[in-house]
Amino acid sequence: MKSYDTAKEDQKKKLDFLKKGIQLNYQHHWIIDNMPVVWCRDINGGNKYCTTGFPIGCFVPQSGEPSDACFMHPEFNKTNTYYIFNHVDITITYH
């Protein structure tokens, strides 16, 4: 597990950079075999929403209402908490 010592200025800057990226909804944009990776998620009414790229993380504010991608997993529920998405499951479909 990666941890940052905020008492060290260089590590605090790195952590602040990640937090700012999450707040601004920065996205990963990957290419596999010259095709963009698409991230799909379920939305209301049983539909799927797909987009190229996927977020680097999400934030749950003090209100407890998950923002951006935090809604996708019930464990992302601690208020005032940033979650970094550092593990990815990839499914490649082709025909």
Foldseek 3Di string as FASTA:
>chain_A
DDDFDCVDPVSVVVVVVLVVQQVVQPWDWDADPNHTDKDWDADPPRDIDIDGTHGQWWAQAPVQDTPDPLVRDPVSGDHRDIDGPPDDDDDDDDD
